[in-house]
Amino acid sequence: MSGEHKPLSGKSVVVTRAAEQARELIARLESFGAEVLLLPTVSFADPEDTVILDATLRSLERIDWILFTSENAVKYFARRARSLGIVLGERRGGTKVGAVGPMTAAAAAAEGLAVDYVAKRHNAEALAQELRGELAGKRVLLPHSDLAKDDLARLLGECAGQVIEVVAYRTIAPGSETAVPTGRIRGTEDSVDPAAAALRRIRSGNVDAISFASPSAFRNFAELVGTDVMRALSESAKFAAIGPTTARAIREDGWNVAIESSESTSDGLGDAVAAYFEKEASGVKS
């Protein structure tokens, strides 16, 4: 309804997710009335070395559990399987599948994998803790990005018999085809590149919040805008993190996290941003 209260009306929120993954978060923020500025600071690619990944895919019957902690892990794991002629939907032996959240579970299902467990609290640590009894003495496969820290593998190692880590994909800065341009030819029309326009807004300090869905998205953003702009933004805008891992990375780099979602999902992040500004508008201290 036109008269419905929207907590983010008049607020501008920057989304730094990869363009192909940003739709859900953008829709959530816009449903709350936000003006959304898309500035992708991460992209993804196949691993450069697939020897271990390939060997694991060819011997899935020896795996007791596969744990997926992101949609990307599912996407690239399945993509490599297809390139080897392996049909993941043809379950081998008693291999079970765990997913960090509903979107990751949906991605696995789309690849023909029946998901046996979805974490109640949607983060990787919760997935490991909630399955602790099930994983005791089992062989666990953990596909992840090349930038993944070993915290989860260590946690799994406390209960699982064996943890096999494989790099399923690489996290990289956007390529030249999507990167913010460093120059332009002036003519009769203004530049309509949305990323360039978003970057100009950010550098001018004319945004209310900047959202980050991974440590790499944050670090690439900080490198893109530079220390002086980061310092100014820390005073004029609110940094929002999708969950504890991303929030920790931001704080470790010396910046304040004003908004941290309890669930590591797009909806959770959008809801957290809306709740923060609604509290701010009502005068309630966060």
C-alpha atoms as a PDB file:
ATOM      1  CA  MET A   1       0.000   0.000   0.000  1.00  0.00           C
ATOM      2  CA  SER A   2       1.182   3.496  -0.788  1.00  0.00           C
ATOM      3  CA  GLY A   3       0.748   4.649   2.806  1.00  0.00           C
ATOM      4  CA  GLU A   4       2.629   1.680   4.296  1.00  0.00           C
ATOM      5  CA  HIS A   5       5.532   2.580   6.561  1.00  0.00           C
ATOM      6  CA  LYS A   6       8.874   1.512   5.109  1.00  0.00           C
ATOM      7  CA  PRO A   7      11.880   1.700   7.462  1.00  0.00           C
ATOM      8  CA  LEU A   8      14.412   2.416   4.711  1.00  0.00           C
ATOM      9  CA  SER A   9      12.477   5.140   2.904  1.00  0.00           C
ATOM     10  CA  GLY A  10      14.905   7.926   2.049  1.00  0.00           C
ATOM     11  CA  LYS A  11      17.937   5.727   2.798  1.00  0.00           C
ATOM     12  CA  SER A  12      20.579   4.678   0.287  1.00  0.00           C
ATOM     13  CA  VAL A  13      22.274   1.301   0.741  1.00  0.00           C
ATOM     14  CA  VAL A  14      25.298   0.056  -1.205  1.00  0.00           C
ATOM     15  CA  VAL A  15      25.364  -3.635  -2.141  1.00  0.00           C
ATOM     16  CA  THR A  16      28.832  -5.047  -2.855  1.00  0.00           C
ATOM     17  CA  ARG A  17      27.825  -8.608  -3.748  1.00  0.00           C
ATOM     18  CA  ALA A  18      28.603 -10.079  -7.148  1.00  0.00           C
ATOM     19  CA  ALA A  19      25.890  -8.987  -9.564  1.00  0.00           C
ATOM     20  CA  GLU A  20      24.606 -12.522 -10.140  1.00  0.00           C
ATOM     21  CA  GLN A  21      24.146 -13.022  -6.383  1.00  0.00           C
ATOM     22  CA  ALA A  22      22.774  -9.615  -5.457  1.00  0.00           C
ATOM     23  CA  ARG A  23      19.188  -9.898  -6.694  1.00  0.00           C
ATOM     24  CA  GLU A  24      17.693 -11.285  -3.490  1.00  0.00           C
ATOM     25  CA  LEU A  25      19.369  -8.709  -1.249  1.00  0.00           C
ATOM     26  CA  ILE A  26      18.456  -5.850  -3.588  1.00  0.00           C
ATOM     27  CA  ALA A  27      14.823  -6.977  -3.639  1.00  0.00           C
ATOM     28  CA  ARG A  28      14.738  -7.226   0.151  1.00  0.00           C
ATOM     29  CA  LEU A  29      16.204  -3.766   0.667  1.00  0.00           C
ATOM     30  CA  GLU A  30      13.927  -2.209  -1.943  1.00  0.00           C
ATOM     31  CA  SER A  31      10.900  -3.817  -0.290  1.00  0.00           C
ATOM     32  CA  PHE A  32      11.809  -1.759   2.779  1.00  0.00           C
ATOM     33  CA  GLY A  33      11.960   1.422   0.677  1.00  0.00           C
ATOM     34  CA  ALA A  34      15.727   1.727   0.197  1.00  0.00           C
ATOM     35  CA  GLU A  35      17.514   3.215  -2.774  1.00  0.00           C
ATOM     36  CA  VAL A  36      20.004   0.481  -3.674  1.00  0.00           C
ATOM     37  CA  LEU A  37      23.358   1.183  -5.305  1.00  0.00           C
ATOM     38  CA  LEU A  38      25.109  -1.865  -6.764  1.00  0.00           C
ATOM     39  CA  LEU A  39      28.909  -1.862  -6.692  1.00  0.00           C
ATOM     40  CA  PRO A  40      30.159  -5.460  -7.074  1.00  0.00           C
ATOM     41  CA  THR A  41      33.573  -5.869  -5.464  1.00  0.00           C
ATOM     42  CA  VAL A  42      33.883  -9.639  -5.877  1.00  0.00           C
ATOM     43  CA  SER A  43      33.635 -12.132  -8.689  1.00  0.00           C
ATOM     44  CA  PHE A  44      34.256 -15.864  -8.925  1.00  0.00           C
ATOM     45  CA  ALA A  45      36.128 -18.288 -11.154  1.00  0.00           C
ATOM     46  CA  ASP A  46      37.015 -21.961 -11.477  1.00  0.00           C
ATOM     47  CA  PRO A  47      40.070 -23.137  -9.512  1.00  0.00           C
ATOM     48  CA  GLU A  48      43.358 -23.074 -11.376  1.00  0.00           C
ATOM     49  CA  ASP A  49      44.348 -26.542 -10.108  1.00  0.00           C
ATOM     50  CA  THR A  50      41.602 -29.190 -10.055  1.00  0.00           C
ATOM     51  CA  VAL A  51      43.669 -32.315  -9.330  1.00  0.00           C
ATOM     52  CA  ILE A  52      42.395 -32.844  -5.775  1.00  0.00           C
ATOM     53  CA  LEU A  53      38.863 -31.726  -6.660  1.00  0.00           C
ATOM     54  CA  ASP A  54      38.729 -34.140  -9.587  1.00  0.00           C
ATOM     55  CA  ALA A  55      40.050 -37.044  -7.524  1.00  0.00           C
ATOM     56  CA  THR A  56      37.439 -36.373  -4.860  1.00  0.00           C
ATOM     57  CA  LEU A  57      34.594 -36.149  -7.358  1.00  0.00           C
ATOM     58  CA  ARG A  58      35.622 -39.497  -8.824  1.00  0.00           C
ATOM     59  CA  SER A  59      35.496 -41.175  -5.413  1.00  0.00           C
ATOM     60  CA  LEU A  60      32.371 -39.706  -3.831  1.00  0.00           C
ATOM     61  CA  GLU A  61      31.268 -43.187  -2.761  1.00  0.00           C
ATOM     62  CA  ARG A  62      33.986 -42.992  -0.100  1.00  0.00           C
ATOM     63  CA  ILE A  63      32.564 -39.759   1.393  1.00  0.00           C
ATOM     64  CA  ASP A  64      30.092 -39.908   4.288  1.00  0.00           C
ATOM     65  CA  TRP A  65      29.062 -36.240   4.282  1.00  0.00           C
ATOM     66  CA  ILE A  66      29.458 -33.299   1.891  1.00  0.00           C
ATOM     67  CA  LEU A  67      29.008 -29.951   3.634  1.00  0.00           C
ATOM     68  CA  PHE A  68      28.189 -26.936   1.456  1.00  0.00           C
ATOM     69  CA  THR A  69      28.667 -23.542   3.110  1.00  0.00           C
ATOM     70  CA  SER A  70      27.689 -21.363   0.130  1.00  0.00           C
ATOM     71  CA  GLU A  71      25.773 -21.371  -3.126  1.00  0.00           C
ATOM     72  CA  ASN A  72      29.067 -20.833  -4.939  1.00  0.00           C
ATOM     73  CA  ALA A  73      30.517 -23.999  -3.437  1.00  0.00           C
ATOM     74  CA  VAL A  74      27.552 -25.923  -4.844  1.00  0.00           C
ATOM     75  CA  LYS A  75      27.656 -24.177  -8.216  1.00  0.00           C
ATOM     76  CA  TYR A  76      31.349 -24.723  -8.938  1.00  0.00           C
ATOM     77  CA  PHE A  77      31.486 -28.196  -7.397  1.00  0.00           C
ATOM     78  CA  ALA A  78      28.621 -29.267  -9.648  1.00  0.00           C
ATOM     79  CA  ARG A  79      30.081 -27.508 -12.668  1.00  0.00           C
ATOM     80  CA  ARG A  80      33.340 -29.401 -12.321  1.00  0.00           C
ATOM     81  CA  ALA A  81      31.435 -32.654 -11.865  1.00  0.00           C
ATOM     82  CA  ARG A  82      29.576 -32.059 -15.137  1.00  0.00           C
ATOM     83  CA  SER A  83      32.837 -31.389 -16.960  1.00  0.00           C
ATOM     84  CA  LEU A  84      34.023 -34.830 -15.795  1.00  0.00           C
ATOM     85  CA  GLY A  85      30.781 -36.499 -16.822  1.00  0.00           C
ATOM     86  CA  ILE A  86      29.754 -37.136 -13.211  1.00  0.00           C
ATOM     87  CA  VAL A  87      26.052 -36.868 -12.357  1.00  0.00           C
ATOM     88  CA  LEU A  88      25.828 -35.708  -8.737  1.00  0.00           C
ATOM     89  CA  GLY A  89      22.179 -36.688  -8.524  1.00  0.00           C
ATOM     90  CA  GLU A  90      23.126 -40.344  -8.832  1.00  0.00           C
ATOM     91  CA  ARG A  91      23.961 -40.690  -5.160  1.00  0.00           C
ATOM     92  CA  ARG A  92      26.868 -42.974  -4.475  1.00  0.00           C
ATOM     93  CA  GLY A  93      26.739 -45.224  -1.415  1.00  0.00           C
ATOM     94  CA  GLY A  94      25.430 -43.525   1.703  1.00  0.00           C
ATOM     95  CA  THR A  95      26.824 -40.047   1.066  1.00  0.00           C
ATOM     96  CA  LYS A  96      24.769 -37.372   2.833  1.00  0.00           C
ATOM     97  CA  VAL A  97      24.608 -33.641   2.152  1.00  0.00           C
ATOM     98  CA  GLY A  98      24.488 -30.753   4.621  1.00  0.00           C
ATOM     99  CA  ALA A  99      23.825 -27.107   3.742  1.00  0.00           C
ATOM    100  CA  VAL A 100      24.459 -23.910   5.658  1.00  0.00           C
ATOM    101  CA  GLY A 101      21.067 -22.414   4.821  1.00  0.00           C
ATOM    102  CA  PRO A 102      17.954 -22.620   2.632  1.00  0.00           C
ATOM    103  CA  MET A 103      19.464 -20.865  -0.398  1.00  0.00           C
ATOM    104  CA  THR A 104      22.472 -23.191  -0.404  1.00  0.00           C
ATOM    105  CA  ALA A 105      20.128 -26.143   0.031  1.00  0.00           C
ATOM    106  CA  ALA A 106      18.029 -24.928  -2.907  1.00  0.00           C
ATOM    107  CA  ALA A 107      21.172 -24.629  -5.048  1.00  0.00           C
ATOM    108  CA  ALA A 108      22.111 -28.218  -4.161  1.00  0.00           C
ATOM    109  CA  ALA A 109      18.611 -29.463  -4.946  1.00  0.00           C
ATOM    110  CA  ALA A 110      18.760 -27.704  -8.309  1.00  0.00           C
ATOM    111  CA  GLU A 111      21.857 -29.778  -9.054  1.00  0.00           C
ATOM    112  CA  GLY A 112      19.970 -32.974  -8.237  1.00  0.00           C
ATOM    113  CA  LEU A 113      21.382 -33.424  -4.728  1.00  0.00           C
ATOM    114  CA  ALA A 114      18.972 -34.375  -1.962  1.00  0.00           C
ATOM    115  CA  VAL A 115      19.887 -32.349   1.130  1.00  0.00           C
ATOM    116  CA  ASP A 116      19.808 -34.298   4.380  1.00  0.00           C
ATOM    117  CA  TYR A 117      20.365 -31.410   6.789  1.00  0.00           C
ATOM    118  CA  VAL A 118      20.035 -27.607   6.746  1.00  0.00           C
ATOM    119  CA  ALA A 119      21.563 -25.641   9.619  1.00  0.00           C
ATOM    120  CA  LYS A 120      18.988 -24.141  11.975  1.00  0.00           C
ATOM    121  CA  ARG A 121      21.238 -21.125  12.501  1.00  0.00           C
ATOM    122  CA  HIS A 122      22.454 -20.199   9.063  1.00  0.00           C
ATOM    123  CA  ASN A 123      26.223 -20.040   9.441  1.00  0.00           C
ATOM    124  CA  ALA A 124      29.044 -22.499   8.897  1.00  0.00           C
ATOM    125  CA  GLU A 125      29.969 -22.886  12.569  1.00  0.00           C
ATOM    126  CA  ALA A 126      26.360 -23.753  13.417  1.00  0.00           C
ATOM    127  CA  LEU A 127      26.267 -26.366  10.662  1.00  0.00           C
ATOM    128  CA  ALA A 128      29.310 -28.088  12.167  1.00  0.00           C
ATOM    129  CA  GLN A 129      28.033 -27.865  15.740  1.00  0.00           C
ATOM    130  CA  GLU A 130      24.523 -29.068  14.943  1.00  0.00           C
ATOM    131  CA  LEU A 131      25.867 -32.088  13.029  1.00  0.00           C
ATOM    132  CA  ARG A 132      28.568 -32.878  15.566  1.00  0.00           C
ATOM    133  CA  GLY A 133      27.062 -36.226  16.594  1.00  0.00           C
ATOM    134  CA  GLU A 134      26.310 -37.267  13.014  1.00  0.00           C
ATOM    135  CA  LEU A 135      29.861 -36.509  11.875  1.00  0.00           C
ATOM    136  CA  ALA A 136      31.656 -38.436  14.613  1.00  0.00           C
ATOM    137  CA  GLY A 137      34.248 -40.684  13.022  1.00  0.00           C
ATOM    138  CA  LYS A 138      32.974 -39.939   9.502  1.00  0.00           C
ATOM    139  CA  ARG A 139      34.772 -38.806   6.351  1.00  0.00           C
ATOM    140  CA  VAL A 140      33.626 -35.258   5.577  1.00  0.00           C
ATOM    141  CA  LEU A 141      34.124 -33.356   2.323  1.00  0.00           C
ATOM    142  CA  LEU A 142      34.276 -29.561   2.528  1.00  0.00           C
ATOM    143  CA  PRO A 143      34.290 -27.748  -0.852  1.00  0.00           C
ATOM    144  CA  HIS A 144      35.129 -24.068  -0.425  1.00  0.00           C
ATOM    145  CA  SER A 145      36.821 -21.038  -1.963  1.00  0.00           C
ATOM    146  CA  ASP A 146      40.545 -20.496  -2.210  1.00  0.00           C
ATOM    147  CA  LEU A 147      40.265 -17.725   0.403  1.00  0.00           C
ATOM    148  CA  ALA A 148      38.433 -19.774   3.031  1.00  0.00           C
ATOM    149  CA  LYS A 149      40.013 -19.744   6.475  1.00  0.00           C
ATOM    150  CA  ASP A 150      40.636 -23.032   8.268  1.00  0.00           C
ATOM    151  CA  ASP A 151      38.372 -22.275  11.252  1.00  0.00           C
ATOM    152  CA  LEU A 152      35.556 -24.514  10.016  1.00  0.00           C
ATOM    153  CA  ALA A 153      37.897 -27.341   9.037  1.00  0.00           C
ATOM    154  CA  ARG A 154      39.466 -27.226  12.508  1.00  0.00           C
ATOM    155  CA  LEU A 155      36.031 -27.311  14.129  1.00  0.00           C
ATOM    156  CA  LEU A 156      35.009 -30.268  11.984  1.00  0.00           C
ATOM    157  CA  GLY A 157      38.289 -31.984  12.813  1.00  0.00           C
ATOM    158  CA  GLU A 158      37.271 -32.111  16.474  1.00  0.00           C
ATOM    159  CA  CYS A 159      34.511 -34.615  15.694  1.00  0.00           C
ATOM    160  CA  ALA A 160      34.937 -36.039  12.179  1.00  0.00           C
ATOM    161  CA  GLY A 161      37.229 -38.934  11.463  1.00  0.00           C
ATOM    162  CA  GLN A 162      38.660 -37.166   8.405  1.00  0.00           C
ATOM    163  CA  VAL A 163      38.073 -33.756   6.833  1.00  0.00           C
ATOM    164  CA  ILE A 164      38.863 -33.397   3.143  1.00  0.00           C
ATOM    165  CA  GLU A 165      39.113 -29.784   2.011  1.00  0.00           C
ATOM    166  CA  VAL A 166      38.928 -29.008  -1.706  1.00  0.00           C
ATOM    167  CA  VAL A 167      39.057 -25.665  -3.478  1.00  0.00           C
ATOM    168  CA  ALA A 168      35.924 -25.594  -5.626  1.00  0.00           C
ATOM    169  CA  TYR A 169      36.227 -21.974  -6.784  1.00  0.00           C
ATOM    170  CA  ARG A 170      38.328 -18.825  -6.588  1.00  0.00           C
ATOM    171  CA  THR A 171      37.217 -15.462  -5.228  1.00  0.00           C
ATOM    172  CA  ILE A 172      38.619 -12.615  -7.305  1.00  0.00           C
ATOM    173  CA  ALA A 173      38.143  -8.916  -7.912  1.00  0.00           C
ATOM    174  CA  PRO A 174      35.733  -8.178 -10.768  1.00  0.00           C
ATOM    175  CA  GLY A 175      37.339  -8.446 -14.202  1.00  0.00           C
ATOM    176  CA  SER A 176      37.838  -5.579 -16.594  1.00  0.00           C
ATOM    177  CA  GLU A 177      34.461  -6.210 -18.170  1.00  0.00           C
ATOM    178  CA  THR A 178      32.666  -5.362 -14.902  1.00  0.00           C
ATOM    179  CA  ALA A 179      35.189  -3.226 -13.072  1.00  0.00           C
ATOM    180  CA  VAL A 180      34.574   0.423 -12.389  1.00  0.00           C
ATOM    181  CA  PRO A 181      36.072   2.354 -15.328  1.00  0.00           C
ATOM    182  CA  THR A 182      39.115   4.520 -14.641  1.00  0.00           C
ATOM    183  CA  GLY A 183      38.304   7.030 -17.357  1.00  0.00           C
ATOM    184  CA  ARG A 184      35.739   8.041 -19.944  1.00  0.00           C
ATOM    185  CA  ILE A 185      35.304  10.007 -23.153  1.00  0.00           C
ATOM    186  CA  ARG A 186      33.188  13.068 -22.511  1.00  0.00           C
ATOM    187  CA  GLY A 187      30.365  13.715 -24.910  1.00  0.00           C
ATOM    188  CA  THR A 188      26.842  15.024 -24.875  1.00  0.00           C
ATOM    189  CA  GLU A 189      25.592  12.274 -22.534  1.00  0.00           C
ATOM    190  CA  ASP A 190      26.557  11.608 -18.950  1.00  0.00           C
ATOM    191  CA  SER A 191      28.005   8.241 -18.034  1.00  0.00           C
ATOM    192  CA  VAL A 192      25.239   5.769 -17.229  1.00  0.00           C
ATOM    193  CA  ASP A 193      27.497   3.045 -15.834  1.00  0.00           C
ATOM    194  CA  PRO A 194      25.756   2.116 -12.552  1.00  0.00           C
ATOM    195  CA  ALA A 195      28.954   0.999 -10.810  1.00  0.00           C
ATOM    196  CA  ALA A 196      30.729   4.238 -11.711  1.00  0.00           C
ATOM    197  CA  ALA A 197      27.738   6.256 -10.525  1.00  0.00           C
ATOM    198  CA  ALA A 198      27.635   4.292  -7.272  1.00  0.00           C
ATOM    199  CA  LEU A 199      31.346   4.831  -6.713  1.00  0.00           C
ATOM    200  CA  ARG A 200      30.961   8.591  -7.194  1.00  0.00           C
ATOM    201  CA  ARG A 201      28.162   8.637  -4.623  1.00  0.00           C
ATOM    202  CA  ILE A 202      30.258   6.630  -2.188  1.00  0.00           C
ATOM    203  CA  ARG A 203      33.319   8.840  -2.576  1.00  0.00           C
ATOM    204  CA  SER A 204      31.183  11.906  -1.976  1.00  0.00           C
ATOM    205  CA  GLY A 205      29.906  10.369   1.261  1.00  0.00           C
ATOM    206  CA  ASN A 206      26.317  10.479   0.032  1.00  0.00           C
ATOM    207  CA  VAL A 207      25.205   6.995   1.168  1.00  0.00           C
ATOM    208  CA  ASP A 208      23.648   5.779   4.404  1.00  0.00           C
ATOM    209  CA  ALA A 209      24.889   2.190   4.600  1.00  0.00           C
ATOM    210  CA  ILE A 210      27.317  -0.151   2.854  1.00  0.00           C
ATOM    211  CA  SER A 211      26.637  -3.880   3.020  1.00  0.00           C
ATOM    212  CA  PHE A 212      29.220  -6.642   2.826  1.00  0.00           C
ATOM    213  CA  ALA A 213      28.483 -10.342   2.323  1.00  0.00           C
ATOM    214  CA  SER A 214      32.050 -11.661   2.642  1.00  0.00           C
ATOM    215  CA  PRO A 215      35.467 -10.602   3.964  1.00  0.00           C
ATOM    216  CA  SER A 216      36.787 -10.444   0.388  1.00  0.00           C
ATOM    217  CA  ALA A 217      33.978  -8.092  -0.663  1.00  0.00           C
ATOM    218  CA  PHE A 218      34.941  -5.770   2.184  1.00  0.00           C
ATOM    219  CA  ARG A 219      38.683  -5.881   1.522  1.00  0.00           C
ATOM    220  CA  ASN A 220      38.274  -5.301  -2.206  1.00  0.00           C
ATOM    221  CA  PHE A 221      35.969  -2.375  -1.435  1.00  0.00           C
ATOM    222  CA  ALA A 222      38.475  -0.858   1.008  1.00  0.00           C
ATOM    223  CA  GLU A 223      41.249  -1.191  -1.565  1.00  0.00           C
ATOM    224  CA  LEU A 224      39.063   0.339  -4.270  1.00  0.00           C
ATOM    225  CA  VAL A 225      38.088   3.479  -2.347  1.00  0.00           C
ATOM    226  CA  GLY A 226      41.301   3.975  -0.354  1.00  0.00           C
ATOM    227  CA  THR A 227      42.023   4.766   3.282  1.00  0.00           C
ATOM    228  CA  ASP A 228      40.947   8.419   3.228  1.00  0.00           C
ATOM    229  CA  VAL A 229      37.512   7.579   1.816  1.00  0.00           C
ATOM    230  CA  MET A 230      37.161   4.663   4.241  1.00  0.00           C
ATOM    231  CA  ARG A 231      37.899   6.976   7.138  1.00  0.00           C
ATOM    232  CA  ALA A 232      35.288   9.470   5.958  1.00  0.00           C
ATOM    233  CA  LEU A 233      32.728   6.729   5.336  1.00  0.00           C
ATOM    234  CA  SER A 234      33.223   5.335   8.825  1.00  0.00           C
ATOM    235  CA  GLU A 235      31.894   8.655  10.113  1.00  0.00           C
ATOM    236  CA  SER A 236      29.079   9.210   7.611  1.00  0.00           C
ATOM    237  CA  ALA A 237      27.767   5.726   6.768  1.00  0.00           C
ATOM    238  CA  LYS A 238      27.015   2.466   8.548  1.00  0.00           C
ATOM    239  CA  PHE A 239      28.914  -0.701   7.665  1.00  0.00           C
ATOM    240  CA  ALA A 240      26.638  -3.769   7.561  1.00  0.00           C
ATOM    241  CA  ALA A 241      27.954  -7.351   7.683  1.00  0.00           C
ATOM    242  CA  ILE A 242      26.054 -10.484   6.669  1.00  0.00           C
ATOM    243  CA  GLY A 243      27.222 -12.494   9.672  1.00  0.00           C
ATOM    244  CA  PRO A 244      29.949 -13.021  12.262  1.00  0.00           C
ATOM    245  CA  THR A 245      32.705 -14.043   9.846  1.00  0.00           C
ATOM    246  CA  THR A 246      32.381 -10.909   7.717  1.00  0.00           C
ATOM    247  CA  ALA A 247      31.862  -8.701  10.773  1.00  0.00           C
ATOM    248  CA  ARG A 248      35.030 -10.095  12.348  1.00  0.00           C
ATOM    249  CA  ALA A 249      37.065  -9.355   9.220  1.00  0.00           C
ATOM    250  CA  ILE A 250      35.876  -5.744   9.143  1.00  0.00           C
ATOM    251  CA  ARG A 251      36.678  -5.221  12.812  1.00  0.00           C
ATOM    252  CA  GLU A 252      40.073  -6.869  12.456  1.00  0.00           C
ATOM    253  CA  ASP A 253      40.906  -4.268   9.818  1.00  0.00           C
ATOM    254  CA  GLY A 254      40.074  -1.535  12.325  1.00  0.00           C
ATOM    255  CA  TRP A 255      36.591  -0.445  11.222  1.00  0.00           C
ATOM    256  CA  ASN A 256      33.326  -0.370  13.121  1.00  0.00           C
ATOM    257  CA  VAL A 257      30.428  -2.674  12.237  1.00  0.00           C
ATOM    258  CA  ALA A 258      27.166  -0.934  13.048  1.00  0.00           C
ATOM    259  CA  ILE A 259      24.906  -3.663  11.645  1.00  0.00           C
ATOM    260  CA  GLU A 260      25.475  -7.417  11.886  1.00  0.00           C
ATOM    261  CA  SER A 261      22.846  -9.921  10.821  1.00  0.00           C
ATOM    262  CA  SER A 262      22.343 -12.956  13.025  1.00  0.00           C
ATOM    263  CA  GLU A 263      21.664 -15.106   9.956  1.00  0.00           C
ATOM    264  CA  SER A 264      24.156 -15.301   7.100  1.00  0.00           C
ATOM    265  CA  THR A 265      21.505 -14.850   4.410  1.00  0.00           C
ATOM    266  CA  SER A 266      20.455 -12.037   2.093  1.00  0.00           C
ATOM    267  CA  ASP A 267      17.094 -11.720   3.825  1.00  0.00           C
ATOM    268  CA  GLY A 268      18.804 -11.699   7.208  1.00  0.00           C
ATOM    269  CA  LEU A 269      21.124  -8.892   6.148  1.00  0.00           C
ATOM    270  CA  GLY A 270      18.302  -6.862   4.610  1.00  0.00           C
ATOM    271  CA  ASP A 271      16.202  -7.289   7.741  1.00  0.00           C
ATOM    272  CA  ALA A 272      19.103  -6.236   9.979  1.00  0.00           C
ATOM    273  CA  VAL A 273      19.672  -3.052   7.966  1.00  0.00           C
ATOM    274  CA  ALA A 274      15.975  -2.198   8.127  1.00  0.00           C
ATOM    275  CA  ALA A 275      15.793  -2.907  11.874  1.00  0.00           C
ATOM    276  CA  TYR A 276      18.803  -0.691  12.564  1.00  0.00           C
ATOM    277  CA  PHE A 277      17.400   2.360  10.797  1.00  0.00           C
ATOM    278  CA  GLU A 278      13.940   1.780  12.229  1.00  0.00           C
ATOM    279  CA  LYS A 279      15.424   1.857  15.729  1.00  0.00           C
ATOM    280  CA  GLU A 280      17.457   4.928  14.834  1.00  0.00           C
ATOM    281  CA  ALA A 281      14.334   6.723  13.593  1.00  0.00           C
ATOM    282  CA  SER A 282      12.467   5.870  16.776  1.00  0.00           C
ATOM    283  CA  GLY A 283      15.319   7.144  18.930  1.00  0.00           C
ATOM    284  CA  VAL A 284      16.110   3.744  20.407  1.00  0.00           C
ATOM    285  CA  LYS A 285      19.818   3.200  21.033  1.00  0.00           C
ATOM    286  CA  SER A 286      21.282   0.144  19.277  1.00  0.00           C
END
